[in-house]
Amino acid sequence: MTATPSEGEGPLLGRQLDVLRTTYPAWEIDFRADAPATTRWTAVLRRPVTARLSAGGVRARIGCQDAFTLASALSHQCCLLHNGRAGA
C-alpha cells in the first residue's frame, strides 16, 4: 500500500515526502507505510529511460530505507540525467 505517512508516524515523514516531491517533480515519489522491514521510500522516473541513459547509469526506479538516502540518490540521478541530455 502506497500512502502518505499517517499521523502516528509523525509529521516529519509527511514533510519529507512533500519536500522530495516538490524538489524532484520528474519522479513519482512514494512512502510505503506498510513495509517496516523493507524499502519504504521509492521513486519512479516519470519518463522512459533510453538505452543511452541506462548506459550512463540512470535508473527508472529507486528504492531506499529513508528519505535522506533517497534524496541523495535522486540528486545523483538528476546529475546523470543532465549529463545524458548535455551529450545528446
N, C-alpha and C. Protein backbone atom coordinates (compact mmCIF):
# COMPACT_ATOMS: atom_id res chain seq x y z
N MET A 1 0.83 -1.18 0.00
CA MET A 1 0.00 0.00 0.00
C MET A 1 0.87 1.23 0.00
N THR A 2 0.76 2.06 -0.99
CA THR A 2 1.50 3.29 -1.06
C THR A 2 0.62 4.40 -0.52
N ALA A 3 1.19 5.19 0.38
CA ALA A 3 0.36 6.19 1.02
C ALA A 3 1.20 7.33 1.55
N THR A 4 0.49 8.34 2.02
CA THR A 4 1.13 9.42 2.73
C THR A 4 1.31 8.95 4.17
N PRO A 5 2.42 9.27 4.81
CA PRO A 5 2.61 8.82 6.18
C PRO A 5 1.46 9.26 7.07
N SER A 6 1.07 8.39 7.97
CA SER A 6 -0.05 8.70 8.86
C SER A 6 0.39 9.59 10.00
N GLU A 7 -0.59 10.13 10.70
CA GLU A 7 -0.31 10.98 11.85
C GLU A 7 0.54 10.25 12.88
N GLY A 8 0.28 8.95 13.06
CA GLY A 8 1.01 8.18 14.04
C GLY A 8 2.48 8.04 13.72
N GLU A 9 2.85 8.19 12.48
CA GLU A 9 4.25 8.06 12.08
C GLU A 9 4.99 9.38 12.19
N GLY A 10 4.29 10.41 12.53
CA GLY A 10 4.93 11.70 12.73
C GLY A 10 4.83 12.62 11.54
N PRO A 11 4.70 13.89 11.84
CA PRO A 11 4.58 14.88 10.77
C PRO A 11 5.86 15.04 9.95
N LEU A 12 7.00 14.66 10.54
CA LEU A 12 8.26 14.78 9.80
C LEU A 12 8.24 13.98 8.51
N LEU A 13 7.72 12.77 8.55
CA LEU A 13 7.69 11.92 7.35
C LEU A 13 6.85 12.57 6.25
N GLY A 14 5.72 13.16 6.62
CA GLY A 14 4.89 13.84 5.64
C GLY A 14 5.60 15.03 5.02
N ARG A 15 6.33 15.77 5.85
CA ARG A 15 7.08 16.92 5.33
C ARG A 15 8.20 16.45 4.40
N GLN A 16 8.87 15.36 4.79
CA GLN A 16 9.94 14.83 3.93
C GLN A 16 9.38 14.42 2.57
N LEU A 17 8.23 13.77 2.57
CA LEU A 17 7.60 13.35 1.32
C LEU A 17 7.25 14.56 0.47
N ASP A 18 6.67 15.58 1.08
CA ASP A 18 6.32 16.81 0.36
C ASP A 18 7.55 17.48 -0.24
N VAL A 19 8.63 17.56 0.52
CA VAL A 19 9.86 18.19 0.03
C VAL A 19 10.44 17.41 -1.13
N LEU A 20 10.49 16.09 -1.01
CA LEU A 20 11.04 15.28 -2.10
C LEU A 20 10.20 15.43 -3.37
N ARG A 21 8.89 15.39 -3.23
CA ARG A 21 8.02 15.53 -4.40
C ARG A 21 8.15 16.90 -5.05
N THR A 22 8.33 17.92 -4.24
CA THR A 22 8.48 19.29 -4.77
C THR A 22 9.84 19.47 -5.43
N THR A 23 10.86 18.91 -4.81
CA THR A 23 12.23 19.08 -5.31
C THR A 23 12.50 18.26 -6.56
N TYR A 24 11.87 17.10 -6.67
CA TYR A 24 12.11 16.19 -7.80
C TYR A 24 10.79 15.88 -8.52
N PRO A 25 10.23 16.85 -9.24
CA PRO A 25 8.93 16.64 -9.89
C PRO A 25 8.96 15.64 -11.04
N ALA A 26 10.14 15.32 -11.55
CA ALA A 26 10.24 14.35 -12.65
C ALA A 26 10.09 12.91 -12.15
N TRP A 27 10.00 12.76 -10.84
CA TRP A 27 9.92 11.43 -10.22
C TRP A 27 8.60 11.29 -9.47
N GLU A 28 8.02 10.11 -9.53
CA GLU A 28 6.85 9.79 -8.72
C GLU A 28 7.38 9.17 -7.42
N ILE A 29 7.26 9.92 -6.34
CA ILE A 29 7.87 9.52 -5.07
C ILE A 29 6.78 9.07 -4.10
N ASP A 30 7.01 7.91 -3.47
CA ASP A 30 6.04 7.35 -2.54
C ASP A 30 6.70 6.84 -1.29
N PHE A 31 5.92 6.78 -0.24
CA PHE A 31 6.32 6.23 1.04
C PHE A 31 5.42 5.03 1.32
N ARG A 32 6.03 3.90 1.64
CA ARG A 32 5.24 2.68 1.91
C ARG A 32 5.09 2.52 3.41
N ALA A 33 3.91 2.83 3.90
CA ALA A 33 3.65 2.77 5.33
C ALA A 33 3.52 1.35 5.85
N ASP A 34 3.26 0.40 4.99
CA ASP A 34 3.02 -0.98 5.43
C ASP A 34 4.24 -1.87 5.35
N ALA A 35 5.41 -1.31 5.17
CA ALA A 35 6.60 -2.12 4.94
C ALA A 35 7.71 -1.78 5.93
N PRO A 36 7.55 -2.11 7.21
CA PRO A 36 8.55 -1.71 8.19
C PRO A 36 9.94 -2.33 8.00
N ALA A 37 10.04 -3.49 7.43
CA ALA A 37 11.34 -4.15 7.28
C ALA A 37 11.84 -4.16 5.85
N THR A 38 11.20 -3.39 4.98
CA THR A 38 11.59 -3.37 3.58
C THR A 38 11.81 -1.94 3.11
N THR A 39 12.06 -1.79 1.84
CA THR A 39 12.23 -0.47 1.25
C THR A 39 10.97 0.34 1.48
N ARG A 40 11.12 1.48 2.10
CA ARG A 40 9.95 2.29 2.45
C ARG A 40 9.79 3.50 1.53
N TRP A 41 10.84 3.98 0.93
CA TRP A 41 10.80 5.16 0.08
C TRP A 41 11.14 4.75 -1.34
N THR A 42 10.29 5.08 -2.29
CA THR A 42 10.54 4.72 -3.69
C THR A 42 10.34 5.93 -4.59
N ALA A 43 11.06 5.92 -5.69
CA ALA A 43 10.92 6.95 -6.71
C ALA A 43 10.96 6.27 -8.07
N VAL A 44 10.01 6.64 -8.93
CA VAL A 44 9.93 6.10 -10.28
C VAL A 44 9.99 7.27 -11.24
N LEU A 45 10.92 7.21 -12.17
CA LEU A 45 11.07 8.28 -13.16
C LEU A 45 9.83 8.33 -14.03
N ARG A 46 9.30 9.53 -14.25
CA ARG A 46 8.06 9.71 -14.99
C ARG A 46 8.25 9.63 -16.51
N ARG A 47 9.48 9.51 -16.98
CA ARG A 47 9.74 9.40 -18.42
C ARG A 47 10.50 8.12 -18.70
N PRO A 48 10.44 7.66 -19.93
CA PRO A 48 11.16 6.42 -20.26
C PRO A 48 12.68 6.62 -20.18
N VAL A 49 13.35 5.58 -19.81
CA VAL A 49 14.81 5.60 -19.76
C VAL A 49 15.32 4.97 -21.05
N THR A 50 15.99 5.76 -21.85
CA THR A 50 16.53 5.26 -23.11
C THR A 50 17.75 4.38 -22.83
N ALA A 51 18.17 3.66 -23.84
CA ALA A 51 19.35 2.80 -23.71
C ALA A 51 20.57 3.64 -23.37
N ARG A 52 20.65 4.81 -23.97
CA ARG A 52 21.79 5.70 -23.71
C ARG A 52 21.82 6.17 -22.26
N LEU A 53 20.64 6.57 -21.74
CA LEU A 53 20.57 7.00 -20.35
C LEU A 53 20.88 5.84 -19.40
N SER A 54 20.34 4.68 -19.72
CA SER A 54 20.59 3.50 -18.90
C SER A 54 22.08 3.17 -18.86
N ALA A 55 22.73 3.26 -20.00
CA ALA A 55 24.17 3.01 -20.07
C ALA A 55 24.94 4.03 -19.25
N GLY A 56 24.37 5.23 -19.11
CA GLY A 56 25.00 6.28 -18.32
C GLY A 56 24.71 6.18 -16.83
N GLY A 57 23.94 5.17 -16.43
CA GLY A 57 23.68 4.95 -15.02
C GLY A 57 22.32 5.41 -14.52
N VAL A 58 21.49 5.95 -15.41
CA VAL A 58 20.16 6.41 -15.00
C VAL A 58 19.28 5.20 -14.73
N ARG A 59 18.57 5.23 -13.60
CA ARG A 59 17.68 4.14 -13.22
C ARG A 59 16.23 4.61 -13.30
N ALA A 60 15.35 3.74 -13.72
CA ALA A 60 13.93 4.07 -13.82
C ALA A 60 13.26 4.04 -12.46
N ARG A 61 13.81 3.26 -11.52
CA ARG A 61 13.21 3.09 -10.19
C ARG A 61 14.31 3.06 -9.14
N ILE A 62 14.05 3.74 -8.04
CA ILE A 62 15.00 3.78 -6.92
C ILE A 62 14.24 3.44 -5.65
N GLY A 63 14.81 2.63 -4.80
CA GLY A 63 14.22 2.31 -3.51
C GLY A 63 15.25 2.51 -2.40
N CYS A 64 14.84 3.15 -1.32
CA CYS A 64 15.74 3.42 -0.20
C CYS A 64 15.01 3.24 1.13
N GLN A 65 15.77 3.07 2.19
CA GLN A 65 15.20 2.87 3.52
C GLN A 65 14.71 4.16 4.15
N ASP A 66 15.28 5.30 3.76
CA ASP A 66 14.88 6.56 4.39
C ASP A 66 14.90 7.70 3.37
N ALA A 67 14.32 8.81 3.78
CA ALA A 67 14.18 9.96 2.88
C ALA A 67 15.54 10.59 2.55
N PHE A 68 16.46 10.58 3.49
CA PHE A 68 17.77 11.19 3.26
C PHE A 68 18.55 10.44 2.19
N THR A 69 18.51 9.11 2.26
CA THR A 69 19.20 8.30 1.26
C THR A 69 18.55 8.46 -0.11
N LEU A 70 17.22 8.53 -0.13
CA LEU A 70 16.52 8.73 -1.40
C LEU A 70 16.86 10.09 -1.99
N ALA A 71 16.91 11.12 -1.16
CA ALA A 71 17.26 12.47 -1.66
C ALA A 71 18.65 12.46 -2.29
N SER A 72 19.59 11.78 -1.66
CA SER A 72 20.94 11.69 -2.21
C SER A 72 20.95 10.94 -3.54
N ALA A 73 20.23 9.83 -3.59
CA ALA A 73 20.17 9.04 -4.82
C ALA A 73 19.51 9.83 -5.95
N LEU A 74 18.44 10.57 -5.63
CA LEU A 74 17.76 11.37 -6.64
C LEU A 74 18.63 12.51 -7.15
N SER A 75 19.39 13.11 -6.25
CA SER A 75 20.32 14.16 -6.66
C SER A 75 21.34 13.61 -7.66
N HIS A 76 21.86 12.44 -7.35
CA HIS A 76 22.82 11.80 -8.26
C HIS A 76 22.17 11.48 -9.60
N GLN A 77 20.95 10.95 -9.57
CA GLN A 77 20.24 10.62 -10.81
C GLN A 77 19.98 11.87 -11.64
N CYS A 78 19.66 12.97 -11.00
CA CYS A 78 19.44 14.23 -11.74
C CYS A 78 20.70 14.68 -12.45
N CYS A 79 21.85 14.50 -11.80
CA CYS A 79 23.12 14.83 -12.45
C CYS A 79 23.35 13.94 -13.66
N LEU A 80 23.06 12.65 -13.50
CA LEU A 80 23.22 11.73 -14.63
C LEU A 80 22.28 12.09 -15.78
N LEU A 81 21.04 12.45 -15.45
CA LEU A 81 20.08 12.85 -16.48
C LEU A 81 20.56 14.11 -17.20
N HIS A 82 21.05 15.06 -16.45
CA HIS A 82 21.55 16.30 -17.04
C HIS A 82 22.74 16.02 -17.96
N ASN A 83 23.65 15.19 -17.50
CA ASN A 83 24.83 14.84 -18.32
C ASN A 83 24.40 14.07 -19.56
N GLY A 84 23.39 13.22 -19.44
CA GLY A 84 22.89 12.47 -20.60
C GLY A 84 22.27 13.38 -21.64
N ARG A 85 21.59 14.42 -21.20
CA ARG A 85 20.99 15.38 -22.13
C ARG A 85 22.05 16.26 -22.76
N ALA A 86 23.06 16.63 -21.97
CA ALA A 86 24.10 17.52 -22.49
C ALA A 86 24.89 16.87 -23.61
N GLY A 87 25.03 15.53 -23.53
CA GLY A 87 25.78 14.82 -24.56
C GLY A 87 24.97 14.49 -25.79
N ALA A 88 23.67 14.77 -25.74
CA ALA A 88 22.80 14.41 -26.87
C ALA A 88 22.97 15.38 -28.02
